[in-house]
Amino acid sequence: MKVFVVKYANQADLNVYKVNYANQANENKGLWYFVNYANQADKKIYFVDYPNQSDLKIFFVDYANQAGWRSKEKKHLLF
């Protein structure tokens, strides 16, 4: 999936919080854990340079409780 990181939360389809442990990134609520190798990943994410190249626009938030979907119609992309 192609992802573009936006500058402001209100531009995002999904607000994402990067967690420290893989077991914290369960369900589809915007809690992401980044692995070192592609074969360890459940989903493969490619960061693109322009919004029109992306399937999903995300914004990285500072706290886990800020994570979540802003655009429900795109939620199916990460199931």
PDB file of N, CA and C in Angstrom:
ATOM      1  N   MET A   1       0.830  -1.160   0.000  1.00  0.00           N
ATOM      2  CA  MET A   1       0.000   0.000   0.000  1.00  0.00           C
ATOM      3  C   MET A   1       0.885   1.237   0.000  1.00  0.00           C
ATOM      4  N   LYS A   2       0.470   2.228  -0.751  1.00  0.00           N
ATOM      5  CA  LYS A   2       1.212   3.483  -0.857  1.00  0.00           C
ATOM      6  C   LYS A   2       0.619   4.501   0.110  1.00  0.00           C
ATOM      7  N   VAL A   3       1.498   5.108   0.907  1.00  0.00           N
ATOM      8  CA  VAL A   3       1.084   6.018   1.970  1.00  0.00           C
ATOM      9  C   VAL A   3       1.801   7.352   1.817  1.00  0.00           C
ATOM     10  N   PHE A   4       1.063   8.420   2.064  1.00  0.00           N
ATOM     11  CA  PHE A   4       1.647   9.758   2.067  1.00  0.00           C
ATOM     12  C   PHE A   4       1.435  10.362   3.450  1.00  0.00           C
ATOM     13  N   VAL A   5       2.481  10.959   4.009  1.00  0.00           N
ATOM     14  CA  VAL A   5       2.402  11.593   5.321  1.00  0.00           C
ATOM     15  C   VAL A   5       2.057  13.072   5.123  1.00  0.00           C
ATOM     16  N   VAL A   6       0.912  13.477   5.661  1.00  0.00           N
ATOM     17  CA  VAL A   6       0.464  14.863   5.539  1.00  0.00           C
ATOM     18  C   VAL A   6       1.020  15.709   6.679  1.00  0.00           C
ATOM     19  N   LYS A   7       0.945  17.028   6.526  1.00  0.00           N
ATOM     20  CA  LYS A   7       1.499  17.949   7.521  1.00  0.00           C
ATOM     21  C   LYS A   7       0.549  18.218   8.681  1.00  0.00           C
ATOM     22  N   TYR A   8      -0.751  18.049   8.445  1.00  0.00           N
ATOM     23  CA  TYR A   8      -1.744  18.388   9.460  1.00  0.00           C
ATOM     24  C   TYR A   8      -2.739  17.237   9.633  1.00  0.00           C
ATOM     25  N   ALA A   9      -3.166  17.023  10.869  1.00  0.00           N
ATOM     26  CA  ALA A   9      -4.061  15.913  11.196  1.00  0.00           C
ATOM     27  C   ALA A   9      -5.373  15.958  10.425  1.00  0.00           C
ATOM     28  N   ASN A  10      -5.895  17.155  10.167  1.00  0.00           N
ATOM     29  CA  ASN A  10      -7.186  17.243   9.477  1.00  0.00           C
ATOM     30  C   ASN A  10      -7.110  16.899   7.993  1.00  0.00           C
ATOM     31  N   GLN A  11      -5.905  16.688   7.463  1.00  0.00           N
ATOM     32  CA  GLN A  11      -5.727  16.273   6.066  1.00  0.00           C
ATOM     33  C   GLN A  11      -5.651  14.751   5.934  1.00  0.00           C
ATOM     34  N   ALA A  12      -5.568  14.049   7.040  1.00  0.00           N
ATOM     35  CA  ALA A  12      -5.299  12.611   7.035  1.00  0.00           C
ATOM     36  C   ALA A  12      -6.564  11.766   6.953  1.00  0.00           C
ATOM     37  N   ASP A  13      -6.401  10.580   6.369  1.00  0.00           N
ATOM     38  CA  ASP A  13      -7.439   9.552   6.430  1.00  0.00           C
ATOM     39  C   ASP A  13      -7.310   8.774   7.738  1.00  0.00           C
ATOM     40  N   LEU A  14      -6.068   8.675   8.215  1.00  0.00           N
ATOM     41  CA  LEU A  14      -5.774   7.898   9.416  1.00  0.00           C
ATOM     42  C   LEU A  14      -4.710   8.613  10.235  1.00  0.00           C
ATOM     43  N   ASN A  15      -4.980   8.766  11.542  1.00  0.00           N
ATOM     44  CA  ASN A  15      -3.966   9.259  12.469  1.00  0.00           C
ATOM     45  C   ASN A  15      -3.245   8.042  13.033  1.00  0.00           C
ATOM     46  N   VAL A  16      -1.916   8.049  12.934  1.00  0.00           N
ATOM     47  CA  VAL A  16      -1.102   6.885  13.295  1.00  0.00           C
ATOM     48  C   VAL A  16      -0.201   7.203  14.478  1.00  0.00           C
ATOM     49  N   TYR A  17      -0.139   6.252  15.397  1.00  0.00           N
ATOM     50  CA  TYR A  17       0.802   6.320  16.511  1.00  0.00           C
ATOM     51  C   TYR A  17       1.749   5.133  16.410  1.00  0.00           C
ATOM     52  N   LYS A  18       3.057   5.404  16.454  1.00  0.00           N
ATOM     53  CA  LYS A  18       4.050   4.335  16.378  1.00  0.00           C
ATOM     54  C   LYS A  18       4.258   3.746  17.775  1.00  0.00           C
ATOM     55  N   VAL A  19       3.934   2.460  17.924  1.00  0.00           N
ATOM     56  CA  VAL A  19       4.083   1.781  19.214  1.00  0.00           C
ATOM     57  C   VAL A  19       5.461   1.131  19.318  1.00  0.00           C
ATOM     58  N   ASN A  20       5.845   0.782  20.538  1.00  0.00           N
ATOM     59  CA  ASN A  20       7.174   0.230  20.788  1.00  0.00           C
ATOM     60  C   ASN A  20       7.265  -1.283  20.660  1.00  0.00           C
ATOM     61  N   TYR A  21       6.120  -1.955  20.743  1.00  0.00           N
ATOM     62  CA  TYR A  21       6.116  -3.410  20.712  1.00  0.00           C
ATOM     63  C   TYR A  21       5.057  -3.926  19.742  1.00  0.00           C
ATOM     64  N   ALA A  22       5.370  -5.009  19.067  1.00  0.00           N
ATOM     65  CA  ALA A  22       4.478  -5.564  18.048  1.00  0.00           C
ATOM     66  C   ALA A  22       3.101  -5.922  18.608  1.00  0.00           C
ATOM     67  N   ASN A  23       3.041  -6.425  19.829  1.00  0.00           N
ATOM     68  CA  ASN A  23       1.753  -6.850  20.378  1.00  0.00           C
ATOM     69  C   ASN A  23       0.827  -5.676  20.712  1.00  0.00           C
ATOM     70  N   GLN A  24       1.340  -4.448  20.657  1.00  0.00           N
ATOM     71  CA  GLN A  24       0.501  -3.268  20.879  1.00  0.00           C
ATOM     72  C   GLN A  24      -0.212  -2.831  19.602  1.00  0.00           C
ATOM     73  N   ALA A  25       0.203  -3.360  18.476  1.00  0.00           N
ATOM     74  CA  ALA A  25      -0.334  -2.944  17.175  1.00  0.00           C
ATOM     75  C   ALA A  25      -1.388  -3.910  16.672  1.00  0.00           C
ATOM     76  N   ASN A  26      -2.317  -4.284  17.532  1.00  0.00           N
ATOM     77  CA  ASN A  26      -3.378  -5.186  17.096  1.00  0.00           C
ATOM     78  C   ASN A  26      -4.597  -4.400  16.656  1.00  0.00           C
ATOM     79  N   GLU A  27      -5.456  -5.047  15.927  1.00  0.00           N
ATOM     80  CA  GLU A  27      -6.670  -4.463  15.367  1.00  0.00           C
ATOM     81  C   GLU A  27      -6.330  -3.412  14.314  1.00  0.00           C
ATOM     82  N   ASN A  28      -7.286  -2.621  13.952  1.00  0.00           N
ATOM     83  CA  ASN A  28      -7.125  -1.661  12.858  1.00  0.00           C
ATOM     84  C   ASN A  28      -7.461  -0.261  13.370  1.00  0.00           C
ATOM     85  N   LYS A  29      -6.675   0.192  14.359  1.00  0.00           N
ATOM     86  CA  LYS A  29      -7.009   1.446  15.033  1.00  0.00           C
ATOM     87  C   LYS A  29      -5.932   2.515  14.917  1.00  0.00           C
ATOM     88  N   GLY A  30      -4.962   2.333  14.022  1.00  0.00           N
ATOM     89  CA  GLY A  30      -3.946   3.357  13.831  1.00  0.00           C
ATOM     90  C   GLY A  30      -2.726   3.210  14.707  1.00  0.00           C
ATOM     91  N   LEU A  31      -2.595   2.082  15.382  1.00  0.00           N
ATOM     92  CA  LEU A  31      -1.401   1.809  16.168  1.00  0.00           C
ATOM     93  C   LEU A  31      -0.490   0.930  15.321  1.00  0.00           C
ATOM     94  N   TRP A  32       0.642   1.485  14.902  1.00  0.00           N
ATOM     95  CA  TRP A  32       1.539   0.788  13.979  1.00  0.00           C
ATOM     96  C   TRP A  32       2.859   0.449  14.643  1.00  0.00           C
ATOM     97  N   TYR A  33       3.374  -0.711  14.266  1.00  0.00           N
ATOM     98  CA  TYR A  33       4.705  -1.138  14.691  1.00  0.00           C
ATOM     99  C   TYR A  33       5.525  -1.409  13.433  1.00  0.00           C
ATOM    100  N   PHE A  34       6.690  -0.800  13.349  1.00  0.00           N
ATOM    101  CA  PHE A  34       7.550  -0.960  12.180  1.00  0.00           C
ATOM    102  C   PHE A  34       8.592  -2.044  12.454  1.00  0.00           C
ATOM    103  N   VAL A  35       8.684  -2.998  11.527  1.00  0.00           N
ATOM    104  CA  VAL A  35       9.640  -4.105  11.656  1.00  0.00           C
ATOM    105  C   VAL A  35      10.890  -3.810  10.825  1.00  0.00           C
ATOM    106  N   ASN A  36      11.929  -4.588  11.062  1.00  0.00           N
ATOM    107  CA  ASN A  36      13.193  -4.373  10.351  1.00  0.00           C
ATOM    108  C   ASN A  36      13.245  -5.038   8.982  1.00  0.00           C
ATOM    109  N   TYR A  37      12.472  -6.101   8.812  1.00  0.00           N
ATOM    110  CA  TYR A  37      12.535  -6.863   7.570  1.00  0.00           C
ATOM    111  C   TYR A  37      11.132  -7.083   7.009  1.00  0.00           C
ATOM    112  N   ALA A  38      11.005  -7.013   5.697  1.00  0.00           N
ATOM    113  CA  ALA A  38       9.711  -7.131   5.028  1.00  0.00           C
ATOM    114  C   ALA A  38       9.005  -8.446   5.338  1.00  0.00           C
ATOM    115  N   ASN A  39       9.756  -9.525   5.498  1.00  0.00           N
ATOM    116  CA  ASN A  39       9.122 -10.823   5.753  1.00  0.00           C
ATOM    117  C   ASN A  39       8.515 -10.918   7.153  1.00  0.00           C
ATOM    118  N   GLN A  40       8.774  -9.945   8.007  1.00  0.00           N
ATOM    119  CA  GLN A  40       8.180  -9.914   9.346  1.00  0.00           C
ATOM    120  C   GLN A  40       6.856  -9.144   9.368  1.00  0.00           C
ATOM    121  N   ALA A  41       6.539  -8.466   8.297  1.00  0.00           N
ATOM    122  CA  ALA A  41       5.386  -7.552   8.275  1.00  0.00           C
ATOM    123  C   ALA A  41       4.084  -8.247   7.909  1.00  0.00           C
ATOM    124  N   ASP A  42       3.005  -7.783   8.516  1.00  0.00           N
ATOM    125  CA  ASP A  42       1.662  -8.213   8.125  1.00  0.00           C
ATOM    126  C   ASP A  42       1.199  -7.419   6.913  1.00  0.00           C
ATOM    127  N   LYS A  43       1.547  -6.151   6.873  1.00  0.00           N
ATOM    128  CA  LYS A  43       1.216  -5.259   5.754  1.00  0.00           C
ATOM    129  C   LYS A  43       2.500  -4.559   5.322  1.00  0.00           C
ATOM    130  N   LYS A  44       2.643  -4.369   4.033  1.00  0.00           N
ATOM    131  CA  LYS A  44       3.797  -3.645   3.515  1.00  0.00           C
ATOM    132  C   LYS A  44       3.361  -2.238   3.121  1.00  0.00           C
ATOM    133  N   ILE A  45       4.082  -1.267   3.651  1.00  0.00           N
ATOM    134  CA  ILE A  45       3.775   0.139   3.448  1.00  0.00           C
ATOM    135  C   ILE A  45       4.904   0.781   2.652  1.00  0.00           C
ATOM    136  N   TYR A  46       4.549   1.526   1.630  1.00  0.00           N
ATOM    137  CA  TYR A  46       5.523   2.269   0.829  1.00  0.00           C
ATOM    138  C   TYR A  46       5.189   3.751   0.949  1.00  0.00           C
ATOM    139  N   PHE A  47       6.148   4.521   1.410  1.00  0.00           N
ATOM    140  CA  PHE A  47       5.938   5.959   1.542  1.00  0.00           C
ATOM    141  C   PHE A  47       6.229   6.634   0.209  1.00  0.00           C
ATOM    142  N   VAL A  48       5.289   7.426  -0.267  1.00  0.00           N
ATOM    143  CA  VAL A  48       5.427   8.109  -1.555  1.00  0.00           C
ATOM    144  C   VAL A  48       5.648   9.606  -1.327  1.00  0.00           C
ATOM    145  N   ASP A  49       6.103  10.278  -2.371  1.00  0.00           N
ATOM    146  CA  ASP A  49       6.470  11.687  -2.268  1.00  0.00           C
ATOM    147  C   ASP A  49       5.313  12.660  -2.499  1.00  0.00           C
ATOM    148  N   TYR A  50       4.249  12.203  -3.139  1.00  0.00           N
ATOM    149  CA  TYR A  50       3.150  13.101  -3.492  1.00  0.00           C
ATOM    150  C   TYR A  50       1.808  12.491  -3.098  1.00  0.00           C
ATOM    151  N   PRO A  51       0.873  13.311  -2.631  1.00  0.00           N
ATOM    152  CA  PRO A  51      -0.425  12.783  -2.185  1.00  0.00           C
ATOM    153  C   PRO A  51      -1.204  12.048  -3.268  1.00  0.00           C
ATOM    154  N   ASN A  52      -1.077  12.481  -4.529  1.00  0.00           N
ATOM    155  CA  ASN A  52      -1.842  11.832  -5.596  1.00  0.00           C
ATOM    156  C   ASN A  52      -1.300  10.453  -5.953  1.00  0.00           C
ATOM    157  N   GLN A  53      -0.148  10.074  -5.409  1.00  0.00           N
ATOM    158  CA  GLN A  53       0.406   8.727  -5.620  1.00  0.00           C
ATOM    159  C   GLN A  53      -0.077   7.751  -4.550  1.00  0.00           C
ATOM    160  N   SER A  54      -0.738   8.232  -3.538  1.00  0.00           N
ATOM    161  CA  SER A  54      -1.033   7.412  -2.367  1.00  0.00           C
ATOM    162  C   SER A  54      -2.425   6.774  -2.385  1.00  0.00           C
ATOM    163  N   ASP A  55      -2.516   5.664  -1.674  1.00  0.00           N
ATOM    164  CA  ASP A  55      -3.802   5.027  -1.397  1.00  0.00           C
ATOM    165  C   ASP A  55      -4.390   5.587  -0.102  1.00  0.00           C
ATOM    166  N   LEU A  56      -3.496   6.024   0.782  1.00  0.00           N
ATOM    167  CA  LEU A  56      -3.882   6.429   2.127  1.00  0.00           C
ATOM    168  C   LEU A  56      -3.019   7.597   2.578  1.00  0.00           C
ATOM    169  N   LYS A  57      -3.657   8.595   3.200  1.00  0.00           N
ATOM    170  CA  LYS A  57      -2.924   9.733   3.762  1.00  0.00           C
ATOM    171  C   LYS A  57      -2.929   9.577   5.282  1.00  0.00           C
ATOM    172  N   ILE A  58      -1.729   9.666   5.884  1.00  0.00           N
ATOM    173  CA  ILE A  58      -1.632   9.489   7.328  1.00  0.00           C
ATOM    174  C   ILE A  58      -0.973  10.706   7.972  1.00  0.00           C
ATOM    175  N   PHE A  59      -1.196  10.818   9.271  1.00  0.00           N
ATOM    176  CA  PHE A  59      -0.546  11.831  10.094  1.00  0.00           C
ATOM    177  C   PHE A  59      -0.065  11.128  11.350  1.00  0.00           C
ATOM    178  N   PHE A  60       1.205  11.327  11.710  1.00  0.00           N
ATOM    179  CA  PHE A  60       1.752  10.722  12.922  1.00  0.00           C
ATOM    180  C   PHE A  60       1.407  11.596  14.123  1.00  0.00           C
ATOM    181  N   VAL A  61       0.734  10.998  15.110  1.00  0.00           N
ATOM    182  CA  VAL A  61       0.324  11.714  16.322  1.00  0.00           C
ATOM    183  C   VAL A  61       1.287  11.408  17.462  1.00  0.00           C
ATOM    184  N   ASP A  62       1.213  12.220  18.515  1.00  0.00           N
ATOM    185  CA  ASP A  62       2.134  12.105  19.644  1.00  0.00           C
ATOM    186  C   ASP A  62       1.679  11.139  20.731  1.00  0.00           C
ATOM    187  N   TYR A  63       0.391  10.822  20.749  1.00  0.00           N
ATOM    188  CA  TYR A  63      -0.156   9.974  21.808  1.00  0.00           C
ATOM    189  C   TYR A  63      -1.059   8.900  21.221  1.00  0.00           C
ATOM    190  N   ALA A  64      -1.054   7.726  21.832  1.00  0.00           N
ATOM    191  CA  ALA A  64      -1.823   6.584  21.341  1.00  0.00           C
ATOM    192  C   ALA A  64      -3.318   6.874  21.288  1.00  0.00           C
ATOM    193  N   ASN A  65      -3.834   7.634  22.239  1.00  0.00           N
ATOM    194  CA  ASN A  65      -5.272   7.909  22.252  1.00  0.00           C
ATOM    195  C   ASN A  65      -5.712   8.858  21.146  1.00  0.00           C
ATOM    196  N   GLN A  66      -4.767   9.462  20.418  1.00  0.00           N
ATOM    197  CA  GLN A  66      -5.097  10.322  19.278  1.00  0.00           C
ATOM    198  C   GLN A  66      -5.181   9.536  17.974  1.00  0.00           C
ATOM    199  N   ALA A  67      -4.732   8.290  17.989  1.00  0.00           N
ATOM    200  CA  ALA A  67      -4.729   7.460  16.781  1.00  0.00           C
ATOM    201  C   ALA A  67      -6.144   7.035  16.423  1.00  0.00           C
ATOM    202  N   GLY A  68      -6.378   6.873  15.127  1.00  0.00           N
ATOM    203  CA  GLY A  68      -7.675   6.378  14.687  1.00  0.00           C
ATOM    204  C   GLY A  68      -8.043   6.882  13.312  1.00  0.00           C
ATOM    205  N   TRP A  69      -9.111   6.308  12.800  1.00  0.00           N
ATOM    206  CA  TRP A  69      -9.577   6.620  11.455  1.00  0.00           C
ATOM    207  C   TRP A  69     -10.356   7.914  11.424  1.00  0.00           C
ATOM    208  N   ARG A  70     -10.049   8.741  10.454  1.00  0.00           N
ATOM    209  CA  ARG A  70     -10.809   9.952  10.182  1.00  0.00           C
ATOM    210  C   ARG A  70     -11.699   9.736   8.959  1.00  0.00           C
ATOM    211  N   SER A  71     -11.296   8.817   8.093  1.00  0.00           N
ATOM    212  CA  SER A  71     -12.022   8.519   6.868  1.00  0.00           C
ATOM    213  C   SER A  71     -12.419   7.043   6.879  1.00  0.00           C
ATOM    214  N   LYS A  72     -13.632   6.768   7.314  1.00  0.00           N
ATOM    215  CA  LYS A  72     -14.092   5.374   7.485  1.00  0.00           C
ATOM    216  C   LYS A  72     -14.113   4.594   6.170  1.00  0.00           C
ATOM    217  N   GLU A  73     -14.315   5.261   5.039  1.00  0.00           N
ATOM    218  CA  GLU A  73     -14.388   4.543   3.757  1.00  0.00           C
ATOM    219  C   GLU A  73     -13.043   3.970   3.330  1.00  0.00           C
ATOM    220  N   LYS A  74     -11.952   4.391   3.943  1.00  0.00           N
ATOM    221  CA  LYS A  74     -10.627   3.852   3.599  1.00  0.00           C
ATOM    222  C   LYS A  74     -10.193   2.743   4.571  1.00  0.00           C
ATOM    223  N   LYS A  75     -10.979   2.492   5.580  1.00  0.00           N
ATOM    224  CA  LYS A  75     -10.639   1.526   6.626  1.00  0.00           C
ATOM    225  C   LYS A  75     -10.379   0.125   6.065  1.00  0.00           C
ATOM    226  N   HIS A  76     -11.062  -0.229   5.002  1.00  0.00           N
ATOM    227  CA  HIS A  76     -10.906  -1.560   4.404  1.00  0.00           C
ATOM    228  C   HIS A  76      -9.488  -1.806   3.868  1.00  0.00           C
ATOM    229  N   LEU A  77      -8.737  -0.748   3.616  1.00  0.00           N
ATOM    230  CA  LEU A  77      -7.387  -0.897   3.048  1.00  0.00           C
ATOM    231  C   LEU A  77      -6.424  -1.642   3.969  1.00  0.00           C
ATOM    232  N   LEU A  78      -6.678  -1.602   5.258  1.00  0.00           N
ATOM    233  CA  LEU A  78      -5.764  -2.251   6.204  1.00  0.00           C
ATOM    234  C   LEU A  78      -6.338  -3.471   6.886  1.00  0.00           C
ATOM    235  N   PHE A  79      -7.347  -4.073   6.286  1.00  0.00           N
ATOM    236  CA  PHE A  79      -7.869  -5.336   6.838  1.00  0.00           C
ATOM    237  C   PHE A  79      -7.244  -6.515   6.141  1.00  0.00           C
TER     238      PHE A  79
END
